[in-house]
Amino acid sequence: MPLHLLFIYVLSLMGNERCRYLQTFVMTRQLKRYFKS
């Protein structure tokens, strides 16, 4: 897993609910793209 994805995941755990939702959404899109390629 790329480090920036792990960093976003950690931030999402520490962030508030709205930020966590947004970051999880972004991370999910990036993970889908990562596994697709």
PDB file of N, CA and C in Angstrom:
ATOM      1  N   MET A   1       0.850  -1.201   0.000  1.00  0.00           N
ATOM      2  CA  MET A   1       0.000   0.000   0.000  1.00  0.00           C
ATOM      3  C   MET A   1       0.879   1.242   0.000  1.00  0.00           C
ATOM      4  N   PRO A   2       0.618   2.187  -0.906  1.00  0.00           N
ATOM      5  CA  PRO A   2       1.387   3.439  -0.918  1.00  0.00           C
ATOM      6  C   PRO A   2       1.279   4.156   0.422  1.00  0.00           C
ATOM      7  N   LEU A   3       2.363   4.786   0.818  1.00  0.00           N
ATOM      8  CA  LEU A   3       2.401   5.439   2.126  1.00  0.00           C
ATOM      9  C   LEU A   3       1.364   6.542   2.246  1.00  0.00           C
ATOM     10  N   HIS A   4       1.103   7.280   1.150  1.00  0.00           N
ATOM     11  CA  HIS A   4       0.154   8.385   1.268  1.00  0.00           C
ATOM     12  C   HIS A   4      -1.253   7.877   1.558  1.00  0.00           C
ATOM     13  N   LEU A   5      -1.575   6.681   1.087  1.00  0.00           N
ATOM     14  CA  LEU A   5      -2.887   6.117   1.403  1.00  0.00           C
ATOM     15  C   LEU A   5      -2.978   5.755   2.873  1.00  0.00           C
ATOM     16  N   LEU A   6      -1.887   5.207   3.410  1.00  0.00           N
ATOM     17  CA  LEU A   6      -1.859   4.864   4.829  1.00  0.00           C
ATOM     18  C   LEU A   6      -1.972   6.127   5.676  1.00  0.00           C
ATOM     19  N   PHE A   7      -1.306   7.195   5.228  1.00  0.00           N
ATOM     20  CA  PHE A   7      -1.351   8.474   5.943  1.00  0.00           C
ATOM     21  C   PHE A   7      -2.771   9.035   5.962  1.00  0.00           C
ATOM     22  N   ILE A   8      -3.447   8.967   4.807  1.00  0.00           N
ATOM     23  CA  ILE A   8      -4.834   9.436   4.737  1.00  0.00           C
ATOM     24  C   ILE A   8      -5.721   8.616   5.670  1.00  0.00           C
ATOM     25  N   TYR A   9      -5.457   7.309   5.731  1.00  0.00           N
ATOM     26  CA  TYR A   9      -6.247   6.433   6.595  1.00  0.00           C
ATOM     27  C   TYR A   9      -6.071   6.810   8.061  1.00  0.00           C
ATOM     28  N   VAL A  10      -4.820   7.066   8.459  1.00  0.00           N
ATOM     29  CA  VAL A  10      -4.553   7.459   9.843  1.00  0.00           C
ATOM     30  C   VAL A  10      -5.224   8.790  10.154  1.00  0.00           C
ATOM     31  N   LEU A  11      -5.143   9.742   9.219  1.00  0.00           N
ATOM     32  CA  LEU A  11      -5.792  11.034   9.430  1.00  0.00           C
ATOM     33  C   LEU A  11      -7.297  10.858   9.571  1.00  0.00           C
ATOM     34  N   SER A  12      -7.862   9.943   8.787  1.00  0.00           N
ATOM     35  CA  SER A  12      -9.308   9.732   8.841  1.00  0.00           C
ATOM     36  C   SER A  12      -9.729   9.193  10.203  1.00  0.00           C
ATOM     37  N   LEU A  13      -8.861   8.398  10.829  1.00  0.00           N
ATOM     38  CA  LEU A  13      -9.177   7.867  12.155  1.00  0.00           C
ATOM     39  C   LEU A  13      -9.129   8.961  13.214  1.00  0.00           C
ATOM     40  N   MET A  14      -8.284   9.962  13.007  1.00  0.00           N
ATOM     41  CA  MET A  14      -8.108  11.018  14.005  1.00  0.00           C
ATOM     42  C   MET A  14      -9.012  12.210  13.740  1.00  0.00           C
ATOM     43  N   GLY A  15      -9.518  12.319  12.497  1.00  0.00           N
ATOM     44  CA  GLY A  15     -10.294  13.485  12.111  1.00  0.00           C
ATOM     45  C   GLY A  15     -11.701  13.478  12.688  1.00  0.00           C
ATOM     46  N   ASN A  16     -12.406  14.582  12.469  1.00  0.00           N
ATOM     47  CA  ASN A  16     -13.802  14.625  12.904  1.00  0.00           C
ATOM     48  C   ASN A  16     -14.667  13.862  11.911  1.00  0.00           C
ATOM     49  N   GLU A  17     -15.944  13.746  12.201  1.00  0.00           N
ATOM     50  CA  GLU A  17     -16.804  12.856  11.428  1.00  0.00           C
ATOM     51  C   GLU A  17     -16.898  13.270   9.962  1.00  0.00           C
ATOM     52  N   ARG A  18     -17.041  14.575   9.717  1.00  0.00           N
ATOM     53  CA  ARG A  18     -17.178  15.038   8.339  1.00  0.00           C
ATOM     54  C   ARG A  18     -15.887  14.803   7.563  1.00  0.00           C
ATOM     55  N   CYS A  19     -14.748  15.109   8.178  1.00  0.00           N
ATOM     56  CA  CYS A  19     -13.462  14.885   7.515  1.00  0.00           C
ATOM     57  C   CYS A  19     -13.228  13.400   7.297  1.00  0.00           C
ATOM     58  N   ARG A  20     -13.625  12.598   8.276  1.00  0.00           N
ATOM     59  CA  ARG A  20     -13.439  11.157   8.158  1.00  0.00           C
ATOM     60  C   ARG A  20     -14.251  10.621   6.977  1.00  0.00           C
ATOM     61  N   TYR A  21     -15.463  11.109   6.816  1.00  0.00           N
ATOM     62  CA  TYR A  21     -16.292  10.658   5.699  1.00  0.00           C
ATOM     63  C   TYR A  21     -15.655  11.027   4.366  1.00  0.00           C
ATOM     64  N   LEU A  22     -15.190  12.278   4.271  1.00  0.00           N
ATOM     65  CA  LEU A  22     -14.580  12.744   3.024  1.00  0.00           C
ATOM     66  C   LEU A  22     -13.301  11.979   2.722  1.00  0.00           C
ATOM     67  N   GLN A  23     -12.461  11.802   3.727  1.00  0.00           N
ATOM     68  CA  GLN A  23     -11.179  11.134   3.513  1.00  0.00           C
ATOM     69  C   GLN A  23     -11.373   9.658   3.190  1.00  0.00           C
ATOM     70  N   THR A  24     -12.364   9.028   3.835  1.00  0.00           N
ATOM     71  CA  THR A  24     -12.643   7.627   3.543  1.00  0.00           C
ATOM     72  C   THR A  24     -13.136   7.475   2.108  1.00  0.00           C
ATOM     73  N   PHE A  25     -13.957   8.433   1.659  1.00  0.00           N
ATOM     74  CA  PHE A  25     -14.458   8.406   0.288  1.00  0.00           C
ATOM     75  C   PHE A  25     -13.305   8.519  -0.705  1.00  0.00           C
ATOM     76  N   VAL A  26     -12.395   9.459  -0.450  1.00  0.00           N
ATOM     77  CA  VAL A  26     -11.240   9.654  -1.330  1.00  0.00           C
ATOM     78  C   VAL A  26     -10.341   8.426  -1.305  1.00  0.00           C
ATOM     79  N   MET A  27     -10.108   7.895  -0.117  1.00  0.00           N
ATOM     80  CA  MET A  27      -9.235   6.733   0.021  1.00  0.00           C
ATOM     81  C   MET A  27      -9.827   5.527  -0.716  1.00  0.00           C
ATOM     82  N   THR A  28     -11.147   5.347  -0.618  1.00  0.00           N
ATOM     83  CA  THR A  28     -11.795   4.220  -1.282  1.00  0.00           C
ATOM     84  C   THR A  28     -11.625   4.316  -2.790  1.00  0.00           C
ATOM     85  N   ARG A  29     -11.772   5.539  -3.331  1.00  0.00           N
ATOM     86  CA  ARG A  29     -11.583   5.724  -4.770  1.00  0.00           C
ATOM     87  C   ARG A  29     -10.151   5.410  -5.166  1.00  0.00           C
ATOM     88  N   GLN A  30      -9.197   5.848  -4.360  1.00  0.00           N
ATOM     89  CA  GLN A  30      -7.791   5.611  -4.676  1.00  0.00           C
ATOM     90  C   GLN A  30      -7.454   4.133  -4.568  1.00  0.00           C
ATOM     91  N   LEU A  31      -8.033   3.459  -3.568  1.00  0.00           N
ATOM     92  CA  LEU A  31      -7.777   2.028  -3.410  1.00  0.00           C
ATOM     93  C   LEU A  31      -8.341   1.244  -4.588  1.00  0.00           C
ATOM     94  N   LYS A  32      -9.537   1.625  -5.058  1.00  0.00           N
ATOM     95  CA  LYS A  32     -10.125   0.944  -6.206  1.00  0.00           C
ATOM     96  C   LYS A  32      -9.232   1.102  -7.427  1.00  0.00           C
ATOM     97  N   ARG A  33      -8.708   2.323  -7.621  1.00  0.00           N
ATOM     98  CA  ARG A  33      -7.822   2.585  -8.746  1.00  0.00           C
ATOM     99  C   ARG A  33      -6.520   1.804  -8.578  1.00  0.00           C
ATOM    100  N   TYR A  34      -6.050   1.692  -7.337  1.00  0.00           N
ATOM    101  CA  TYR A  34      -4.787   1.002  -7.055  1.00  0.00           C
ATOM    102  C   TYR A  34      -4.907  -0.492  -7.343  1.00  0.00           C
ATOM    103  N   PHE A  35      -6.002  -1.087  -6.912  1.00  0.00           N
ATOM    104  CA  PHE A  35      -6.182  -2.522  -7.121  1.00  0.00           C
ATOM    105  C   PHE A  35      -6.541  -2.844  -8.572  1.00  0.00           C
ATOM    106  N   LYS A  36      -7.132  -1.866  -9.267  1.00  0.00           N
ATOM    107  CA  LYS A  36      -7.538  -2.088 -10.647  1.00  0.00           C
ATOM    108  C   LYS A  36      -6.323  -2.180 -11.564  1.00  0.00           C
ATOM    109  N   SER A  37      -5.311  -1.380 -11.295  1.00  0.00           N
ATOM    110  CA  SER A  37      -4.132  -1.324 -12.158  1.00  0.00           C
ATOM    111  C   SER A  37      -3.154  -2.456 -11.879  1.00  0.00           C
TER     112      SER A  37
END
